Amino acid sequence: MNIDRFKHQHVEILSGISLLRRLSHQGIADHAVDIAHELKALAQVVTQHLAIEDRILYPSLEKSGDDRMARMSVSYQNDMQGIASAFINFARRWGNATLLSRSPEDFRAEANTVLKNVHDRMLRENREFYPAIEAL
């Protein structure tokens, strides 16, 4: 199975998180417009990535005939539901520059949790899940 598209999206997602981190360190209120813009762009990539995983990747793996891979796929899909939901809610809430300017520390606290979870998940997929898929 060719997963190059998924890998490329991971690079985009990790780069987006890194950019949000840099902008936040430079000052959330001062960079609220840029943060809101970049968060919306990141949300588009994440949403597209999740949709393709749900429609193509996970079902294909579950029908692959490899029981270990099917179980791994179900586990990853189930685990991602909570991470995805938290991210989508975060992106909806904080995609507003005015709110970012008014509550920079609330954004920072939530970003530290939500974006770290997404970041860690991407790294885990890169390290464990994708190599297992490529080994099929």
Protein backbone atom coordinates (compact mmCIF):
# COMPACT_ATOMS: atom_id res chain seq x y z
CA MET A 1 0.00 0.00 0.00
CA ASN A 2 1.37 3.38 -0.98
CA ILE A 3 1.11 5.78 1.94
CA ASP A 4 3.23 8.63 0.56
CA ARG A 5 0.26 11.01 0.65
CA PHE A 6 -0.27 10.30 4.35
CA LYS A 7 3.41 10.82 5.07
CA HIS A 8 3.39 14.12 3.20
CA GLN A 9 0.37 15.27 5.20
CA HIS A 10 2.19 14.37 8.41
CA VAL A 11 5.04 16.66 7.34
CA GLU A 12 2.50 19.43 6.70
CA ILE A 13 0.80 18.86 10.06
CA LEU A 14 4.05 18.79 12.02
CA SER A 15 5.25 21.92 10.20
CA GLY A 16 1.97 23.67 10.99
CA ILE A 17 2.29 22.81 14.67
CA SER A 18 5.86 24.06 14.67
CA LEU A 19 4.80 27.34 13.06
CA LEU A 20 2.02 27.82 15.61
CA ARG A 21 4.53 27.18 18.38
CA ARG A 22 6.92 29.80 16.97
CA LEU A 23 4.19 32.39 16.56
CA SER A 24 2.92 31.73 20.08
CA HIS A 25 6.41 32.16 21.53
CA GLN A 26 6.67 35.50 19.73
CA GLY A 27 3.47 36.66 21.42
CA ILE A 28 -0.05 35.32 21.02
CA ALA A 29 -1.80 38.67 21.22
CA ASP A 30 0.72 40.29 18.86
CA HIS A 31 0.38 37.48 16.31
CA ALA A 32 -3.29 36.62 16.82
CA VAL A 33 -4.24 37.17 13.16
CA ASP A 34 -1.38 34.97 11.93
CA ILE A 35 -2.09 32.29 14.54
CA ALA A 36 -5.78 32.18 13.62
CA HIS A 37 -4.91 31.97 9.92
CA GLU A 38 -2.34 29.21 10.42
CA LEU A 39 -4.64 27.28 12.74
CA LYS A 40 -7.36 27.32 10.08
CA ALA A 41 -4.87 26.09 7.48
CA LEU A 42 -3.70 23.33 9.82
CA ALA A 43 -7.28 22.33 10.55
CA GLN A 44 -7.92 21.90 6.81
CA VAL A 45 -4.96 19.55 6.43
CA VAL A 46 -5.86 17.59 9.57
CA THR A 47 -9.51 17.30 8.55
CA GLN A 48 -8.59 16.09 5.07
CA HIS A 49 -6.06 13.64 6.51
CA LEU A 50 -8.61 12.21 8.94
CA ALA A 51 -11.25 11.85 6.24
CA ILE A 52 -8.90 9.95 3.94
CA GLU A 53 -7.78 7.71 6.78
CA ASP A 54 -11.37 6.92 7.71
CA ARG A 55 -12.58 6.36 4.14
CA ILE A 56 -9.56 4.59 2.65
CA LEU A 57 -6.70 3.64 4.96
CA TYR A 58 -8.43 2.03 7.93
CA PRO A 59 -11.00 0.07 5.89
CA SER A 60 -8.28 -1.20 3.53
CA LEU A 61 -6.15 -2.38 6.42
CA GLU A 62 -9.08 -4.05 8.14
CA LYS A 63 -9.76 -6.00 4.92
CA SER A 64 -6.09 -6.73 4.25
CA GLY A 65 -6.25 -10.30 5.48
CA ASP A 66 -3.52 -9.57 8.02
CA ASP A 67 -5.10 -9.97 11.46
CA ARG A 68 -2.33 -8.09 13.25
CA MET A 69 -2.61 -5.16 10.86
CA ALA A 70 -6.41 -5.17 11.09
CA ARG A 71 -6.24 -5.03 14.91
CA MET A 72 -3.61 -2.29 14.77
CA SER A 73 -5.77 -0.31 12.36
CA VAL A 74 -8.84 -0.52 14.61
CA SER A 75 -6.75 0.47 17.62
CA TYR A 76 -5.24 3.48 15.85
CA GLN A 77 -8.63 4.56 14.52
CA ASN A 78 -10.26 4.31 17.95
CA ASP A 79 -7.39 6.17 19.60
CA MET A 80 -7.56 8.95 17.03
CA GLN A 81 -11.22 9.71 17.66
CA GLY A 82 -10.56 11.50 20.96
CA ILE A 83 -7.49 13.30 19.62
CA ALA A 84 -9.36 14.39 16.49
CA SER A 85 -12.40 15.60 18.38
CA ALA A 86 -10.28 17.65 20.78
CA PHE A 87 -8.31 19.15 17.88
CA ILE A 88 -11.39 20.05 15.83
CA ASN A 89 -13.02 21.74 18.83
CA PHE A 90 -9.75 23.55 19.58
CA ALA A 91 -9.41 24.78 15.99
CA ARG A 92 -13.00 26.00 15.89
CA ARG A 93 -12.64 27.83 19.16
CA TRP A 94 -9.28 29.45 18.54
CA GLY A 95 -9.56 30.23 14.83
CA ASN A 96 -10.70 33.69 15.89
CA ALA A 97 -8.03 36.40 16.23
CA THR A 98 -10.16 38.50 18.58
CA LEU A 99 -10.57 35.64 21.03
CA LEU A 100 -6.85 34.86 20.79
CA SER A 101 -6.02 38.48 21.63
CA ARG A 102 -8.38 38.49 24.60
CA SER A 103 -7.34 35.11 26.08
CA PRO A 104 -3.76 34.34 25.07
CA GLU A 105 -2.96 32.26 28.14
CA ASP A 106 -6.10 30.16 27.75
CA PHE A 107 -5.07 29.49 24.16
CA ARG A 108 -1.53 28.61 25.25
CA ALA A 109 -2.73 26.17 27.90
CA GLU A 110 -5.12 24.41 25.54
CA ALA A 111 -2.62 24.43 22.67
CA ASN A 112 0.01 22.83 24.89
CA THR A 113 -2.29 19.88 25.44
CA VAL A 114 -4.15 19.52 22.14
CA LEU A 115 -1.28 20.22 19.76
CA LYS A 116 1.09 18.05 21.79
CA ASN A 117 -1.36 15.15 21.48
CA VAL A 118 -1.60 15.61 17.71
CA HIS A 119 2.18 15.98 17.43
CA ASP A 120 2.83 12.86 19.50
CA ARG A 121 0.28 10.90 17.47
CA MET A 122 1.93 11.86 14.17
CA LEU A 123 5.32 10.77 15.49
CA ARG A 124 3.90 7.49 16.76
CA GLU A 125 2.29 6.77 13.39
CA ASN A 126 5.57 7.62 11.62
CA ARG A 127 7.53 5.36 13.97
CA GLU A 128 5.15 2.38 14.37
CA PHE A 129 2.06 2.40 12.17
CA TYR A 130 3.41 3.47 8.79
CA PRO A 131 6.40 1.10 8.83
CA ALA A 132 4.00 -1.76 9.66
CA ILE A 133 1.79 -0.77 6.70
CA GLU A 134 4.74 -0.57 4.37
CA ALA A 135 5.88 -4.02 5.48
CA LEU A 136 2.62 -5.59 4.22
